[in-house]
Amino acid sequence: MGALTKISALLIINPHSRNGNEAEIQEGIDSLNNAGITVQLKMLDDSTTTAQIIEKYHQQIQLVIIGGGDGTINSALEKLYQHQLRFAILPLGTANDLARTLNIPTDLTEAFNVIRQQQTCRINLGKVNGKYFLNVAHIGLGVKVTQELTPDLKKKWGVFSYLKAIFSAFSRHKTFRVILQTGSNTRSMKSIQLAVGNGRYYGGGNIIDEKSEIDDGQLCLYSIYPLTFWQMLTCAPLLRFGKHQLTNKTCTLSTQKITITTIPPLEIHADGEQISKTPAEFEVIPQALEVICGTTED
């Protein structure tokens, strides 16, 4: 679709995740203003949240632009869904997995160009115990990885910080039992890592399932059976590219709704943030949000 005129936009930037410089951002804002998209800039600080800012301005705007990483985007989901606001992404984080899913360039000038073009799509929203997520929710090893990903580590290692965090997390992971209930079907197994994906990418470009798309109305799940470190390394290429079905070290399924119980109860992290604990009810809300997306190169 062509560029729309006379749009009021709210640009929210998380300065702690910012990879772009002020000059690039101001240049991009000017380009949007010149295209008829009036931008109101708000910087996050310790006294305000993304949700509070959106709630305050939602009646005055037609578009929310979120400048930050996946965690910053996650904090906006409840209000974006509640008010059915179209949103766009400036990928300023470390992994930028949602931007990758939506074909948003990491170069800020190009990302602003995508926003100017105003091409949109509708995407699913994941929900766990009443909390929303867009990419992937983790239980087990993935949570340990998130805990290892300190701001200092991400600043020093960039996207490679995920690899370093995985090595550190594996040394202190624990096996747990997981019970999966979908309708009348129940499965029980031991696991070291369980992931439920709404989107396609997580952890800096890992694929939850090679068939997964963020607009397919499905959740994709995998669980990794207890492995040694060297077995994990052997499986790593398959896990990286979402080819879990090619190894007998994982259990996979796709569903719209699932109940997950773990023994013992465990934390659930999604989009890089702790959002709940098990037991948990997961579901997908198809076509829940309208977002500005890039074009594919098919």
Protein backbone atom coordinates (compact mmCIF):
# COMPACT_ATOMS: atom_id res chain seq x y z
CA MET A 1 0.00 0.00 0.00
CA GLY A 2 1.17 3.57 -0.59
CA ALA A 3 2.28 5.98 2.09
CA LEU A 4 -0.54 7.48 4.13
CA THR A 5 -0.65 11.20 4.94
CA LYS A 6 -1.43 13.15 8.08
CA ILE A 7 -0.62 10.38 10.52
CA SER A 8 0.10 11.17 14.15
CA ALA A 9 2.79 8.84 15.50
CA LEU A 10 4.25 8.26 18.94
CA LEU A 11 7.92 7.25 18.95
CA ILE A 12 9.02 5.62 22.21
CA ILE A 13 12.75 5.01 22.62
CA ASN A 14 14.45 2.93 25.27
CA PRO A 15 17.84 4.65 25.70
CA HIS A 16 19.30 1.60 27.46
CA SER A 17 18.92 -0.59 24.36
CA ARG A 18 19.80 2.08 21.83
CA ASN A 19 22.29 1.06 19.14
CA GLY A 20 21.61 4.05 16.92
CA ASN A 21 22.94 7.54 17.52
CA GLU A 22 20.88 10.68 18.05
CA ALA A 23 21.74 12.10 14.64
CA GLU A 24 20.43 9.00 12.83
CA ILE A 25 17.23 9.03 14.84
CA GLN A 26 16.62 12.74 14.29
CA GLU A 27 17.28 12.29 10.58
CA GLY A 28 14.71 9.51 10.51
CA ILE A 29 12.15 11.59 12.40
CA ASP A 30 12.63 14.41 9.90
CA SER A 31 12.07 11.99 7.01
CA LEU A 32 8.81 10.81 8.57
CA ASN A 33 7.63 14.38 9.17
CA ASN A 34 8.38 15.19 5.52
CA ALA A 35 6.28 12.18 4.49
CA GLY A 36 3.26 13.44 6.46
CA ILE A 37 3.83 11.34 9.59
CA THR A 38 3.96 13.73 12.54
CA VAL A 39 6.18 12.24 15.23
CA GLN A 40 5.99 12.87 18.95
CA LEU A 41 9.16 11.56 20.64
CA LYS A 42 9.14 10.13 24.18
CA MET A 43 12.21 8.69 25.92
CA LEU A 44 11.74 5.98 28.52
CA ASP A 45 13.16 6.62 31.98
CA ASP A 46 12.86 5.16 35.46
CA SER A 47 9.65 7.09 36.16
CA THR A 48 7.60 5.91 33.14
CA THR A 49 6.81 2.67 31.32
CA THR A 50 5.99 2.01 27.69
CA ALA A 51 2.46 1.02 28.68
CA GLN A 52 1.92 4.26 30.62
CA ILE A 53 3.05 6.39 27.69
CA ILE A 54 0.80 4.56 25.22
CA GLU A 55 -2.16 4.80 27.57
CA LYS A 56 -1.64 8.55 27.95
CA TYR A 57 -1.47 9.29 24.21
CA HIS A 58 -3.49 6.51 22.55
CA GLN A 59 -6.44 8.73 21.64
CA GLN A 60 -4.18 11.22 19.85
CA ILE A 61 -2.24 8.82 17.62
CA GLN A 62 -2.68 6.28 14.83
CA LEU A 63 0.78 4.70 15.02
CA VAL A 64 3.21 3.67 17.78
CA ILE A 65 6.89 3.34 16.82
CA ILE A 66 8.92 1.40 19.37
CA GLY A 67 12.66 1.98 19.44
CA GLY A 68 14.31 -0.75 21.45
CA GLY A 69 14.77 -4.50 21.67
CA ASP A 70 12.26 -7.31 21.96
CA GLY A 71 11.80 -6.70 25.69
CA THR A 72 10.80 -3.08 25.06
CA ILE A 73 8.29 -4.23 22.44
CA ASN A 74 6.91 -6.84 24.83
CA SER A 75 6.17 -4.17 27.44
CA ALA A 76 3.89 -2.41 24.94
CA LEU A 77 1.81 -5.41 23.86
CA GLU A 78 -1.04 -5.15 26.35
CA LYS A 79 -1.83 -1.54 25.40
CA LEU A 80 -1.27 -2.08 21.68
CA TYR A 81 -3.77 -4.94 21.74
CA GLN A 82 -6.23 -3.20 24.07
CA HIS A 83 -6.40 -0.08 21.90
CA GLN A 84 -5.79 -1.87 18.57
CA LEU A 85 -3.00 0.50 17.62
CA ARG A 86 -0.86 -0.10 14.57
CA PHE A 87 2.83 -0.25 15.48
CA ALA A 88 6.26 -0.21 13.91
CA ILE A 89 9.76 -1.15 15.07
CA LEU A 90 13.07 0.65 15.20
CA PRO A 91 15.42 -2.28 15.93
CA LEU A 92 17.73 -0.85 18.60
CA GLY A 93 18.23 -4.02 20.66
CA THR A 94 20.79 -6.81 20.65
CA ALA A 95 18.86 -9.65 19.00
CA ASN A 96 15.97 -7.83 17.25
CA ASP A 97 14.21 -11.12 16.57
CA LEU A 98 10.79 -9.62 15.87
CA ALA A 99 12.37 -7.21 13.40
CA ARG A 100 14.00 -10.20 11.69
CA THR A 101 10.63 -11.97 11.52
CA LEU A 102 9.02 -8.89 9.94
CA ASN A 103 11.89 -8.20 7.49
CA ILE A 104 12.78 -4.92 9.18
CA PRO A 105 16.40 -3.89 8.37
CA THR A 106 18.72 -3.27 11.31
CA ASP A 107 20.11 -0.21 9.52
CA LEU A 108 18.11 2.67 11.02
CA THR A 109 17.85 4.70 7.82
CA GLU A 110 16.39 1.68 6.03
CA ALA A 111 14.11 0.92 8.98
CA PHE A 112 12.72 4.48 8.84
CA ASN A 113 12.17 3.98 5.09
CA VAL A 114 10.06 0.89 5.85
CA ILE A 115 7.96 2.94 8.28
CA ARG A 116 7.46 5.65 5.66
CA GLN A 117 6.15 3.09 3.17
CA GLN A 118 3.43 2.00 5.64
CA GLN A 119 3.12 -1.57 4.37
CA THR A 120 1.30 -3.55 7.07
CA CYS A 121 0.45 -7.11 8.00
CA ARG A 122 -1.49 -8.70 10.84
CA ILE A 123 0.31 -11.00 13.25
CA ASN A 124 -0.52 -13.49 16.00
CA LEU A 125 -0.15 -12.72 19.67
CA GLY A 126 0.95 -15.38 22.14
CA LYS A 127 -0.63 -15.46 25.58
CA VAL A 128 0.51 -17.27 28.73
CA ASN A 129 -1.37 -16.99 32.03
CA GLY A 130 -2.86 -13.71 30.82
CA LYS A 131 0.47 -12.18 29.72
CA TYR A 132 1.29 -11.47 26.07
CA PHE A 133 4.38 -12.30 24.03
CA LEU A 134 5.42 -12.14 20.38
CA ASN A 135 8.49 -14.30 19.88
CA VAL A 136 9.17 -17.30 22.13
CA ALA A 137 8.50 -18.27 25.75
CA HIS A 138 11.15 -20.37 27.52
CA ILE A 139 11.17 -22.78 30.45
CA GLY A 140 14.41 -24.31 31.71
CA LEU A 141 17.72 -23.74 29.92
CA GLY A 142 16.38 -20.75 27.94
CA VAL A 143 15.57 -18.98 31.21
CA LYS A 144 19.11 -19.55 32.45
CA VAL A 145 20.38 -18.02 29.19
CA THR A 146 18.25 -14.93 29.75
CA GLN A 147 19.62 -14.60 33.27
CA GLU A 148 23.18 -14.79 31.93
CA LEU A 149 22.45 -12.01 29.41
CA THR A 150 23.38 -9.05 31.55
CA PRO A 151 23.48 -5.55 30.00
CA ASP A 152 27.28 -5.58 30.31
CA LEU A 153 27.54 -8.91 28.48
CA LYS A 154 25.27 -7.72 25.65
CA LYS A 155 27.18 -4.46 25.34
CA LYS A 156 30.54 -6.25 25.17
CA TRP A 157 29.63 -9.23 22.99
CA GLY A 158 26.65 -7.98 20.95
CA VAL A 159 24.69 -10.77 19.24
CA PHE A 160 27.48 -13.24 20.19
CA SER A 161 26.53 -12.70 23.82
CA TYR A 162 23.80 -15.31 23.27
CA LEU A 163 26.40 -17.98 22.48
CA LYS A 164 28.45 -17.11 25.54
CA ALA A 165 25.31 -17.11 27.70
CA ILE A 166 24.33 -20.57 26.42
CA PHE A 167 27.70 -22.03 27.40
CA SER A 168 27.46 -20.50 30.88
CA ALA A 169 23.82 -21.52 31.35
CA PHE A 170 24.40 -25.13 30.36
CA SER A 171 26.89 -25.58 33.19
CA ARG A 172 24.16 -24.91 35.77
CA HIS A 173 21.02 -26.23 34.08
CA LYS A 174 18.76 -28.77 35.79
CA THR A 175 16.52 -31.52 34.45
CA PHE A 176 12.79 -31.20 35.13
CA ARG A 177 9.63 -33.15 34.32
CA VAL A 178 7.09 -31.53 32.01
CA ILE A 179 3.46 -32.53 31.40
CA LEU A 180 1.85 -31.27 28.19
CA GLN A 181 -1.94 -31.25 27.85
CA THR A 182 -3.62 -30.46 24.53
CA GLY A 183 -7.34 -31.21 24.56
CA SER A 184 -7.72 -34.78 25.82
CA ASN A 185 -4.09 -35.70 25.05
CA THR A 186 -1.42 -35.73 27.78
CA ARG A 187 2.31 -36.28 27.35
CA SER A 188 4.92 -36.47 30.11
CA MET A 189 8.70 -36.38 29.70
CA LYS A 190 11.96 -35.21 31.22
CA SER A 191 13.38 -32.03 29.74
CA ILE A 192 16.19 -29.51 30.05
CA GLN A 193 14.57 -26.88 27.82
CA LEU A 194 11.07 -26.18 26.59
CA ALA A 195 10.13 -23.38 24.20
CA VAL A 196 6.74 -22.22 22.94
CA GLY A 197 6.93 -19.99 19.89
CA ASN A 198 4.43 -17.52 18.52
CA GLY A 199 6.93 -15.87 16.18
CA ARG A 200 9.66 -17.41 14.05
CA TYR A 201 12.95 -16.24 15.59
CA TYR A 202 14.46 -16.04 19.08
CA GLY A 203 17.88 -15.65 20.71
CA GLY A 204 19.54 -13.74 17.89
CA GLY A 205 18.22 -15.65 14.87
CA ASN A 206 17.42 -19.17 16.12
CA ILE A 207 14.30 -20.59 14.46
CA ILE A 208 11.59 -22.11 16.67
CA ASP A 209 10.39 -24.35 13.82
CA GLU A 210 11.23 -24.20 10.12
CA LYS A 211 7.49 -24.10 9.30
CA SER A 212 6.59 -21.46 11.88
CA GLU A 213 5.33 -18.02 10.82
CA ILE A 214 4.02 -15.21 13.00
CA ASP A 215 0.72 -15.05 11.08
CA ASP A 216 -0.11 -18.78 10.94
CA GLY A 217 -2.45 -18.95 13.95
CA GLN A 218 -0.35 -21.65 15.62
CA LEU A 219 2.04 -22.04 18.54
CA CYS A 220 5.10 -24.20 17.84
CA LEU A 221 6.63 -26.07 20.77
CA TYR A 222 9.79 -28.07 21.27
CA SER A 223 11.19 -29.80 24.33
CA ILE A 224 14.81 -31.02 24.56
CA TYR A 225 15.40 -34.27 26.39
CA PRO A 226 18.27 -34.41 28.92
CA LEU A 227 21.58 -34.22 27.02
CA THR A 228 25.26 -33.96 27.71
CA PHE A 229 27.07 -30.83 26.59
CA TRP A 230 28.60 -32.64 23.62
CA GLN A 231 25.24 -34.08 22.55
CA MET A 232 23.88 -30.53 22.71
CA LEU A 233 26.67 -29.32 20.44
CA THR A 234 25.85 -32.09 17.95
CA CYS A 235 22.20 -31.01 17.86
CA ALA A 236 22.98 -27.29 17.77
CA PRO A 237 22.83 -26.82 13.95
CA LEU A 238 19.41 -28.50 13.79
CA LEU A 239 18.13 -26.44 16.72
CA ARG A 240 19.51 -23.26 15.19
CA PHE A 241 17.57 -23.70 11.94
CA GLY A 242 14.33 -25.11 13.37
CA LYS A 243 14.89 -28.67 12.12
CA HIS A 244 14.05 -30.29 15.45
CA GLN A 245 12.14 -33.10 13.74
CA LEU A 246 15.42 -34.44 12.33
CA THR A 247 16.77 -35.40 15.74
CA ASN A 248 15.45 -37.89 18.29
CA LYS A 249 16.62 -35.59 21.10
CA THR A 250 13.52 -33.40 20.98
CA CYS A 251 9.72 -33.55 21.17
CA THR A 252 7.80 -31.13 18.91
CA LEU A 253 4.19 -30.17 18.29
CA SER A 254 2.00 -27.36 16.93
CA THR A 255 -1.22 -26.28 18.61
CA GLN A 256 -3.50 -23.32 19.34
CA LYS A 257 -3.78 -23.99 23.05
CA ILE A 258 -1.76 -26.01 25.55
CA THR A 259 -1.40 -26.42 29.32
CA ILE A 260 2.12 -26.95 30.63
CA THR A 261 2.96 -28.23 34.10
CA THR A 262 6.49 -28.73 35.37
CA ILE A 263 7.91 -30.54 38.39
CA PRO A 264 9.20 -28.49 40.11
CA PRO A 265 7.35 -25.25 39.18
CA LEU A 266 9.60 -23.05 37.03
CA GLU A 267 9.87 -19.49 35.74
CA ILE A 268 8.68 -18.61 32.24
CA HIS A 269 10.59 -15.99 30.27
CA ALA A 270 9.33 -14.54 26.99
CA ASP A 271 10.87 -11.93 24.69
CA GLY A 272 13.75 -11.70 27.15
CA GLU A 273 11.59 -10.92 30.21
CA GLN A 274 10.19 -12.99 33.08
CA ILE A 275 6.43 -12.98 32.62
CA SER A 276 5.00 -15.94 34.54
CA LYS A 277 5.58 -19.34 36.20
CA THR A 278 4.34 -22.86 35.63
CA PRO A 279 1.75 -24.31 35.64
CA ALA A 280 0.77 -22.29 32.58
CA GLU A 281 -1.94 -22.06 29.97
CA PHE A 282 -0.68 -21.00 26.55
CA GLU A 283 -2.86 -19.89 23.66
CA VAL A 284 -2.53 -17.98 20.41
CA ILE A 285 -4.66 -15.01 19.35
CA PRO A 286 -4.64 -15.09 15.53
CA GLN A 287 -4.31 -11.84 13.55
CA ALA A 288 -4.28 -9.87 16.81
CA LEU A 289 -2.11 -6.87 15.88
CA GLU A 290 -1.40 -4.73 12.83
CA VAL A 291 2.28 -4.00 12.35
CA ILE A 292 4.39 -2.28 9.70
CA CYS A 293 6.53 -4.87 7.94
CA GLY A 294 9.23 -4.98 5.31
CA THR A 295 8.96 -6.67 1.94
CA THR A 296 10.25 -10.17 1.28
CA GLU A 297 12.79 -10.83 -1.43
CA ASP A 298 10.97 -13.75 -3.02
